[in-house]
Amino acid sequence: MNHEELPLDTDYGKLTFRIEQILKERGISKNQVCKALDIPRANFNRYCRDEFQRLDAGLICKLCWYLDIGVGELIEYVRPKDAAAQ
């Protein structure tokens, strides 16, 4: 099957952020991050809960810079069969 034939109604998985885990491991509060990066807390919480519709590249870059990590450490792709188990 080529990419042009992919069905639109198929579950392709999801992206999840590891923000909560990373902050906990480093002893950093959400308030510290929001203040340092000038991010509205409500928006930041949506990313922490994986309740986003679109990704904000600027926010992702800020988080990677602040936490000194790569995108792959911040965001994880969860395959459909794994997504249902979470």
PDB file of N, CA and C in Angstrom:
ATOM      1  N   MET A   1       0.849  -1.180   0.000  1.00  0.00           N
ATOM      2  CA  MET A   1       0.000   0.000   0.000  1.00  0.00           C
ATOM      3  C   MET A   1       0.891   1.238   0.000  1.00  0.00           C
ATOM      4  N   ASN A   2       0.632   2.167  -0.902  1.00  0.00           N
ATOM      5  CA  ASN A   2       1.412   3.405  -0.875  1.00  0.00           C
ATOM      6  C   ASN A   2       0.721   4.425   0.022  1.00  0.00           C
ATOM      7  N   HIS A   3       1.417   5.513   0.307  1.00  0.00           N
ATOM      8  CA  HIS A   3       0.905   6.514   1.239  1.00  0.00           C
ATOM      9  C   HIS A   3      -0.367   7.192   0.754  1.00  0.00           C
ATOM     10  N   GLU A   4      -0.587   7.242  -0.527  1.00  0.00           N
ATOM     11  CA  GLU A   4      -1.781   7.887  -1.061  1.00  0.00           C
ATOM     12  C   GLU A   4      -3.038   7.079  -0.766  1.00  0.00           C
ATOM     13  N   GLU A   5      -2.890   5.811  -0.406  1.00  0.00           N
ATOM     14  CA  GLU A   5      -4.036   4.946  -0.162  1.00  0.00           C
ATOM     15  C   GLU A   5      -4.353   4.778   1.322  1.00  0.00           C
ATOM     16  N   LEU A   6      -3.672   5.505   2.199  1.00  0.00           N
ATOM     17  CA  LEU A   6      -3.921   5.355   3.629  1.00  0.00           C
ATOM     18  C   LEU A   6      -5.340   5.789   3.967  1.00  0.00           C
ATOM     19  N   PRO A   7      -6.095   4.968   4.672  1.00  0.00           N
ATOM     20  CA  PRO A   7      -7.462   5.332   5.042  1.00  0.00           C
ATOM     21  C   PRO A   7      -7.471   6.464   6.068  1.00  0.00           C
ATOM     22  N   LEU A   8      -8.421   7.365   5.941  1.00  0.00           N
ATOM     23  CA  LEU A   8      -8.499   8.516   6.830  1.00  0.00           C
ATOM     24  C   LEU A   8      -9.030   8.170   8.211  1.00  0.00           C
ATOM     25  N   ASP A   9      -9.787   7.097   8.336  1.00  0.00           N
ATOM     26  CA  ASP A   9     -10.403   6.761   9.614  1.00  0.00           C
ATOM     27  C   ASP A   9      -9.566   5.801  10.458  1.00  0.00           C
ATOM     28  N   THR A  10      -8.328   5.590  10.104  1.00  0.00           N
ATOM     29  CA  THR A  10      -7.454   4.677  10.828  1.00  0.00           C
ATOM     30  C   THR A  10      -6.803   5.391  12.004  1.00  0.00           C
ATOM     31  N   ASP A  11      -6.647   4.687  13.116  1.00  0.00           N
ATOM     32  CA  ASP A  11      -5.942   5.212  14.281  1.00  0.00           C
ATOM     33  C   ASP A  11      -4.448   5.029  14.046  1.00  0.00           C
ATOM     34  N   TYR A  12      -3.737   6.123  13.914  1.00  0.00           N
ATOM     35  CA  TYR A  12      -2.297   6.069  13.645  1.00  0.00           C
ATOM     36  C   TYR A  12      -1.467   6.225  14.909  1.00  0.00           C
ATOM     37  N   GLY A  13      -2.116   6.268  16.048  1.00  0.00           N
ATOM     38  CA  GLY A  13      -1.411   6.448  17.306  1.00  0.00           C
ATOM     39  C   GLY A  13      -1.538   7.882  17.783  1.00  0.00           C
ATOM     40  N   LYS A  14      -0.700   8.233  18.765  1.00  0.00           N
ATOM     41  CA  LYS A  14      -0.765   9.588  19.313  1.00  0.00           C
ATOM     42  C   LYS A  14       0.607  10.018  19.811  1.00  0.00           C
ATOM     43  N   LEU A  15       0.731  11.307  20.036  1.00  0.00           N
ATOM     44  CA  LEU A  15       1.933  11.864  20.633  1.00  0.00           C
ATOM     45  C   LEU A  15       1.636  12.173  22.090  1.00  0.00           C
ATOM     46  N   THR A  16       2.563  11.851  22.955  1.00  0.00           N
ATOM     47  CA  THR A  16       2.414  12.189  24.365  1.00  0.00           C
ATOM     48  C   THR A  16       3.646  12.957  24.820  1.00  0.00           C
ATOM     49  N   PHE A  17       3.424  13.903  25.705  1.00  0.00           N
ATOM     50  CA  PHE A  17       4.519  14.674  26.282  1.00  0.00           C
ATOM     51  C   PHE A  17       4.957  14.035  27.589  1.00  0.00           C
ATOM     52  N   ARG A  18       6.238  14.065  27.836  1.00  0.00           N
ATOM     53  CA  ARG A  18       6.821  13.520  29.062  1.00  0.00           C
ATOM     54  C   ARG A  18       7.143  14.641  30.052  1.00  0.00           C
ATOM     55  N   ILE A  19       6.453  15.762  29.939  1.00  0.00           N
ATOM     56  CA  ILE A  19       6.750  16.947  30.745  1.00  0.00           C
ATOM     57  C   ILE A  19       6.668  16.645  32.232  1.00  0.00           C
ATOM     58  N   GLU A  20       5.556  16.073  32.672  1.00  0.00           N
ATOM     59  CA  GLU A  20       5.358  15.811  34.109  1.00  0.00           C
ATOM     60  C   GLU A  20       6.486  14.951  34.661  1.00  0.00           C
ATOM     61  N   GLN A  21       6.830  13.901  33.960  1.00  0.00           N
ATOM     62  CA  GLN A  21       7.881  12.985  34.404  1.00  0.00           C
ATOM     63  C   GLN A  21       9.230  13.701  34.489  1.00  0.00           C
ATOM     64  N   ILE A  22       9.549  14.483  33.474  1.00  0.00           N
ATOM     65  CA  ILE A  22      10.832  15.193  33.440  1.00  0.00           C
ATOM     66  C   ILE A  22      10.908  16.215  34.571  1.00  0.00           C
ATOM     67  N   LEU A  23       9.834  16.976  34.768  1.00  0.00           N
ATOM     68  CA  LEU A  23       9.833  17.974  35.839  1.00  0.00           C
ATOM     69  C   LEU A  23       9.982  17.310  37.205  1.00  0.00           C
ATOM     70  N   LYS A  24       9.280  16.208  37.406  1.00  0.00           N
ATOM     71  CA  LYS A  24       9.363  15.494  38.684  1.00  0.00           C
ATOM     72  C   LYS A  24      10.786  14.992  38.929  1.00  0.00           C
ATOM     73  N   GLU A  25      11.394  14.391  37.907  1.00  0.00           N
ATOM     74  CA  GLU A  25      12.760  13.877  38.032  1.00  0.00           C
ATOM     75  C   GLU A  25      13.750  14.977  38.388  1.00  0.00           C
ATOM     76  N   ARG A  26      13.491  16.184  37.906  1.00  0.00           N
ATOM     77  CA  ARG A  26      14.431  17.291  38.105  1.00  0.00           C
ATOM     78  C   ARG A  26      14.049  18.220  39.246  1.00  0.00           C
ATOM     79  N   GLY A  27      12.907  17.963  39.867  1.00  0.00           N
ATOM     80  CA  GLY A  27      12.469  18.815  40.971  1.00  0.00           C
ATOM     81  C   GLY A  27      12.108  20.227  40.534  1.00  0.00           C
ATOM     82  N   ILE A  28      11.537  20.341  39.354  1.00  0.00           N
ATOM     83  CA  ILE A  28      11.139  21.641  38.805  1.00  0.00           C
ATOM     84  C   ILE A  28       9.617  21.734  38.837  1.00  0.00           C
ATOM     85  N   SER A  29       9.101  22.870  39.285  1.00  0.00           N
ATOM     86  CA  SER A  29       7.648  23.043  39.324  1.00  0.00           C
ATOM     87  C   SER A  29       7.139  23.605  37.997  1.00  0.00           C
ATOM     88  N   LYS A  30       5.870  23.381  37.753  1.00  0.00           N
ATOM     89  CA  LYS A  30       5.240  23.938  36.549  1.00  0.00           C
ATOM     90  C   LYS A  30       5.289  25.457  36.594  1.00  0.00           C
ATOM     91  N   ASN A  31       5.106  26.014  37.789  1.00  0.00           N
ATOM     92  CA  ASN A  31       5.152  27.470  37.926  1.00  0.00           C
ATOM     93  C   ASN A  31       6.516  28.024  37.521  1.00  0.00           C
ATOM     94  N   GLN A  32       7.583  27.332  37.891  1.00  0.00           N
ATOM     95  CA  GLN A  32       8.929  27.769  37.515  1.00  0.00           C
ATOM     96  C   GLN A  32       9.070  27.816  35.995  1.00  0.00           C
ATOM     97  N   VAL A  33       8.604  26.775  35.338  1.00  0.00           N
ATOM     98  CA  VAL A  33       8.713  26.697  33.881  1.00  0.00           C
ATOM     99  C   VAL A  33       7.901  27.810  33.226  1.00  0.00           C
ATOM    100  N   CYS A  34       6.661  27.961  33.658  1.00  0.00           N
ATOM    101  CA  CYS A  34       5.786  28.970  33.062  1.00  0.00           C
ATOM    102  C   CYS A  34       6.356  30.374  33.237  1.00  0.00           C
ATOM    103  N   LYS A  35       6.883  30.647  34.417  1.00  0.00           N
ATOM    104  CA  LYS A  35       7.456  31.971  34.676  1.00  0.00           C
ATOM    105  C   LYS A  35       8.717  32.195  33.839  1.00  0.00           C
ATOM    106  N   ALA A  36       9.605  31.217  33.816  1.00  0.00           N
ATOM    107  CA  ALA A  36      10.873  31.355  33.090  1.00  0.00           C
ATOM    108  C   ALA A  36      10.666  31.513  31.586  1.00  0.00           C
ATOM    109  N   LEU A  37       9.659  30.831  31.047  1.00  0.00           N
ATOM    110  CA  LEU A  37       9.446  30.829  29.599  1.00  0.00           C
ATOM    111  C   LEU A  37       8.286  31.706  29.148  1.00  0.00           C
ATOM    112  N   ASP A  38       7.645  32.386  30.107  1.00  0.00           N
ATOM    113  CA  ASP A  38       6.503  33.251  29.808  1.00  0.00           C
ATOM    114  C   ASP A  38       5.423  32.483  29.044  1.00  0.00           C
ATOM    115  N   ILE A  39       5.035  31.349  29.626  1.00  0.00           N
ATOM    116  CA  ILE A  39       4.009  30.482  29.045  1.00  0.00           C
ATOM    117  C   ILE A  39       2.766  30.561  29.930  1.00  0.00           C
ATOM    118  N   PRO A  40       1.585  30.810  29.366  1.00  0.00           N
ATOM    119  CA  PRO A  40       0.365  30.783  30.179  1.00  0.00           C
ATOM    120  C   PRO A  40       0.180  29.396  30.808  1.00  0.00           C
ATOM    121  N   ARG A  41      -0.107  29.372  32.097  1.00  0.00           N
ATOM    122  CA  ARG A  41      -0.228  28.106  32.827  1.00  0.00           C
ATOM    123  C   ARG A  41      -1.310  27.208  32.224  1.00  0.00           C
ATOM    124  N   ALA A  42      -2.423  27.779  31.802  1.00  0.00           N
ATOM    125  CA  ALA A  42      -3.511  26.971  31.227  1.00  0.00           C
ATOM    126  C   ALA A  42      -3.037  26.242  29.969  1.00  0.00           C
ATOM    127  N   ASN A  43      -2.294  26.924  29.119  1.00  0.00           N
ATOM    128  CA  ASN A  43      -1.763  26.283  27.907  1.00  0.00           C
ATOM    129  C   ASN A  43      -0.772  25.185  28.262  1.00  0.00           C
ATOM    130  N   PHE A  44       0.102  25.479  29.208  1.00  0.00           N
ATOM    131  CA  PHE A  44       1.113  24.508  29.624  1.00  0.00           C
ATOM    132  C   PHE A  44       0.448  23.258  30.198  1.00  0.00           C
ATOM    133  N   ASN A  45      -0.601  23.441  31.000  1.00  0.00           N
ATOM    134  CA  ASN A  45      -1.315  22.300  31.587  1.00  0.00           C
ATOM    135  C   ASN A  45      -1.927  21.405  30.520  1.00  0.00           C
ATOM    136  N   ARG A  46      -2.413  21.990  29.434  1.00  0.00           N
ATOM    137  CA  ARG A  46      -2.983  21.183  28.349  1.00  0.00           C
ATOM    138  C   ARG A  46      -1.926  20.260  27.748  1.00  0.00           C
ATOM    139  N   TYR A  47      -0.722  20.759  27.597  1.00  0.00           N
ATOM    140  CA  TYR A  47       0.365  19.916  27.083  1.00  0.00           C
ATOM    141  C   TYR A  47       0.729  18.838  28.099  1.00  0.00           C
ATOM    142  N   CYS A  48       0.745  19.193  29.362  1.00  0.00           N
ATOM    143  CA  CYS A  48       1.071  18.213  30.408  1.00  0.00           C
ATOM    144  C   CYS A  48       0.056  17.078  30.441  1.00  0.00           C
ATOM    145  N   ARG A  49      -1.207  17.390  30.127  1.00  0.00           N
ATOM    146  CA  ARG A  49      -2.277  16.381  30.147  1.00  0.00           C
ATOM    147  C   ARG A  49      -2.532  15.770  28.767  1.00  0.00           C
ATOM    148  N   ASP A  50      -1.706  16.103  27.789  1.00  0.00           N
ATOM    149  CA  ASP A  50      -1.886  15.618  26.410  1.00  0.00           C
ATOM    150  C   ASP A  50      -3.256  15.985  25.856  1.00  0.00           C
ATOM    151  N   GLU A  51      -3.713  17.183  26.158  1.00  0.00           N
ATOM    152  CA  GLU A  51      -5.015  17.662  25.691  1.00  0.00           C
ATOM    153  C   GLU A  51      -4.849  18.749  24.631  1.00  0.00           C
ATOM    154  N   PHE A  52      -3.918  18.566  23.734  1.00  0.00           N
ATOM    155  CA  PHE A  52      -3.655  19.556  22.693  1.00  0.00           C
ATOM    156  C   PHE A  52      -4.193  19.041  21.366  1.00  0.00           C
ATOM    157  N   GLN A  53      -4.550  19.964  20.487  1.00  0.00           N
ATOM    158  CA  GLN A  53      -5.000  19.606  19.143  1.00  0.00           C
ATOM    159  C   GLN A  53      -3.881  19.802  18.126  1.00  0.00           C
ATOM    160  N   ARG A  54      -3.125  20.870  18.324  1.00  0.00           N
ATOM    161  CA  ARG A  54      -1.998  21.185  17.438  1.00  0.00           C
ATOM    162  C   ARG A  54      -0.778  21.471  18.296  1.00  0.00           C
ATOM    163  N   LEU A  55       0.374  21.178  17.742  1.00  0.00           N
ATOM    164  CA  LEU A  55       1.616  21.431  18.461  1.00  0.00           C
ATOM    165  C   LEU A  55       2.113  22.840  18.163  1.00  0.00           C
ATOM    166  N   ASP A  56       2.597  23.503  19.187  1.00  0.00           N
ATOM    167  CA  ASP A  56       3.179  24.834  19.063  1.00  0.00           C
ATOM    168  C   ASP A  56       4.695  24.663  19.006  1.00  0.00           C
ATOM    169  N   ALA A  57       5.268  24.830  17.819  1.00  0.00           N
ATOM    170  CA  ALA A  57       6.707  24.618  17.641  1.00  0.00           C
ATOM    171  C   ALA A  57       7.525  25.543  18.532  1.00  0.00           C
ATOM    172  N   GLY A  58       7.069  26.770  18.717  1.00  0.00           N
ATOM    173  CA  GLY A  58       7.775  27.712  19.582  1.00  0.00           C
ATOM    174  C   GLY A  58       7.834  27.226  21.016  1.00  0.00           C
ATOM    175  N   LEU A  59       6.715  26.712  21.506  1.00  0.00           N
ATOM    176  CA  LEU A  59       6.667  26.187  22.873  1.00  0.00           C
ATOM    177  C   LEU A  59       7.567  24.965  23.014  1.00  0.00           C
ATOM    178  N   ILE A  60       7.537  24.092  22.040  1.00  0.00           N
ATOM    179  CA  ILE A  60       8.383  22.894  22.086  1.00  0.00           C
ATOM    180  C   ILE A  60       9.860  23.294  22.114  1.00  0.00           C
ATOM    181  N   CYS A  61      10.230  24.265  21.303  1.00  0.00           N
ATOM    182  CA  CYS A  61      11.627  24.740  21.295  1.00  0.00           C
ATOM    183  C   CYS A  61      12.002  25.343  22.642  1.00  0.00           C
ATOM    184  N   LYS A  62      11.100  26.139  23.222  1.00  0.00           N
ATOM    185  CA  LYS A  62      11.367  26.733  24.539  1.00  0.00           C
ATOM    186  C   LYS A  62      11.587  25.654  25.591  1.00  0.00           C
ATOM    187  N   LEU A  63      10.721  24.638  25.588  1.00  0.00           N
ATOM    188  CA  LEU A  63      10.839  23.563  26.579  1.00  0.00           C
ATOM    189  C   LEU A  63      12.132  22.779  26.398  1.00  0.00           C
ATOM    190  N   CYS A  64      12.472  22.472  25.156  1.00  0.00           N
ATOM    191  CA  CYS A  64      13.719  21.745  24.894  1.00  0.00           C
ATOM    192  C   CYS A  64      14.924  22.560  25.350  1.00  0.00           C
ATOM    193  N   TRP A  65      14.907  23.847  25.074  1.00  0.00           N
ATOM    194  CA  TRP A  65      16.007  24.723  25.488  1.00  0.00           C
ATOM    195  C   TRP A  65      16.101  24.786  27.006  1.00  0.00           C
ATOM    196  N   TYR A  66      14.969  25.032  27.654  1.00  0.00           N
ATOM    197  CA  TYR A  66      14.939  25.185  29.113  1.00  0.00           C
ATOM    198  C   TYR A  66      15.380  23.904  29.816  1.00  0.00           C
ATOM    199  N   LEU A  67      14.904  22.773  29.336  1.00  0.00           N
ATOM    200  CA  LEU A  67      15.211  21.486  29.970  1.00  0.00           C
ATOM    201  C   LEU A  67      16.497  20.863  29.433  1.00  0.00           C
ATOM    202  N   ASP A  68      17.084  21.470  28.413  1.00  0.00           N
ATOM    203  CA  ASP A  68      18.314  20.991  27.778  1.00  0.00           C
ATOM    204  C   ASP A  68      18.159  19.543  27.303  1.00  0.00           C
ATOM    205  N   ILE A  69      17.095  19.327  26.528  1.00  0.00           N
ATOM    206  CA  ILE A  69      16.800  17.996  25.995  1.00  0.00           C
ATOM    207  C   ILE A  69      16.420  18.108  24.524  1.00  0.00           C
ATOM    208  N   GLY A  70      16.404  16.981  23.844  1.00  0.00           N
ATOM    209  CA  GLY A  70      15.953  16.928  22.463  1.00  0.00           C
ATOM    210  C   GLY A  70      14.454  16.679  22.395  1.00  0.00           C
ATOM    211  N   VAL A  71      13.899  16.916  21.233  1.00  0.00           N
ATOM    212  CA  VAL A  71      12.461  16.721  21.032  1.00  0.00           C
ATOM    213  C   VAL A  71      12.053  15.281  21.351  1.00  0.00           C
ATOM    214  N   GLY A  72      12.881  14.317  20.966  1.00  0.00           N
ATOM    215  CA  GLY A  72      12.574  12.909  21.212  1.00  0.00           C
ATOM    216  C   GLY A  72      12.529  12.539  22.684  1.00  0.00           C
ATOM    217  N   GLU A  73      13.173  13.339  23.521  1.00  0.00           N
ATOM    218  CA  GLU A  73      13.110  13.102  24.963  1.00  0.00           C
ATOM    219  C   GLU A  73      11.859  13.729  25.564  1.00  0.00           C
ATOM    220  N   LEU A  74      11.324  14.739  24.895  1.00  0.00           N
ATOM    221  CA  LEU A  74      10.156  15.466  25.379  1.00  0.00           C
ATOM    222  C   LEU A  74       8.849  14.848  24.897  1.00  0.00           C
ATOM    223  N   ILE A  75       8.851  14.394  23.649  1.00  0.00           N
ATOM    224  CA  ILE A  75       7.635  13.875  23.028  1.00  0.00           C
ATOM    225  C   ILE A  75       7.849  12.421  22.639  1.00  0.00           C
ATOM    226  N   GLU A  76       6.838  11.611  22.905  1.00  0.00           N
ATOM    227  CA  GLU A  76       6.903  10.189  22.565  1.00  0.00           C
ATOM    228  C   GLU A  76       5.752   9.839  21.624  1.00  0.00           C
ATOM    229  N   TYR A  77       6.041   9.043  20.609  1.00  0.00           N
ATOM    230  CA  TYR A  77       5.004   8.527  19.720  1.00  0.00           C
ATOM    231  C   TYR A  77       4.527   7.194  20.279  1.00  0.00           C
ATOM    232  N   VAL A  78       3.216   7.076  20.491  1.00  0.00           N
ATOM    233  CA  VAL A  78       2.625   5.846  21.011  1.00  0.00           C
ATOM    234  C   VAL A  78       1.815   5.208  19.894  1.00  0.00           C
ATOM    235  N   ARG A  79       2.192   4.004  19.522  1.00  0.00           N
ATOM    236  CA  ARG A  79       1.483   3.279  18.457  1.00  0.00           C
ATOM    237  C   ARG A  79       0.051   2.960  18.897  1.00  0.00           C
ATOM    238  N   PRO A  80      -0.863   2.774  17.945  1.00  0.00           N
ATOM    239  CA  PRO A  80      -2.272   2.553  18.277  1.00  0.00           C
ATOM    240  C   PRO A  80      -2.527   1.445  19.291  1.00  0.00           C
ATOM    241  N   LYS A  81      -1.899   0.294  19.133  1.00  0.00           N
ATOM    242  CA  LYS A  81      -2.167  -0.797  20.073  1.00  0.00           C
ATOM    243  C   LYS A  81      -1.701  -0.431  21.475  1.00  0.00           C
ATOM    244  N   ASP A  82      -0.619   0.365  21.585  1.00  0.00           N
ATOM    245  CA  ASP A  82      -0.132   0.820  22.872  1.00  0.00           C
ATOM    246  C   ASP A  82      -0.984   1.963  23.405  1.00  0.00           C
ATOM    247  N   ALA A  83      -1.495   2.793  22.505  1.00  0.00           N
ATOM    248  CA  ALA A  83      -2.291   3.950  22.898  1.00  0.00           C
ATOM    249  C   ALA A  83      -3.562   3.517  23.614  1.00  0.00           C
ATOM    250  N   ALA A  84      -4.159   2.428  23.182  1.00  0.00           N
ATOM    251  CA  ALA A  84      -5.390   1.943  23.801  1.00  0.00           C
ATOM    252  C   ALA A  84      -5.140   1.443  25.216  1.00  0.00           C
ATOM    253  N   ALA A  85      -3.941   0.975  25.486  1.00  0.00           N
ATOM    254  CA  ALA A  85      -3.614   0.437  26.806  1.00  0.00           C
ATOM    255  C   ALA A  85      -3.333   1.534  27.822  1.00  0.00           C
ATOM    256  N   GLN A  86      -3.129   2.769  27.363  1.00  0.00           N
ATOM    257  CA  GLN A  86      -2.781   3.847  28.301  1.00  0.00           C
ATOM    258  C   GLN A  86      -3.981   4.627  28.723  1.00  0.00           C
TER     259      GLN A  86
END
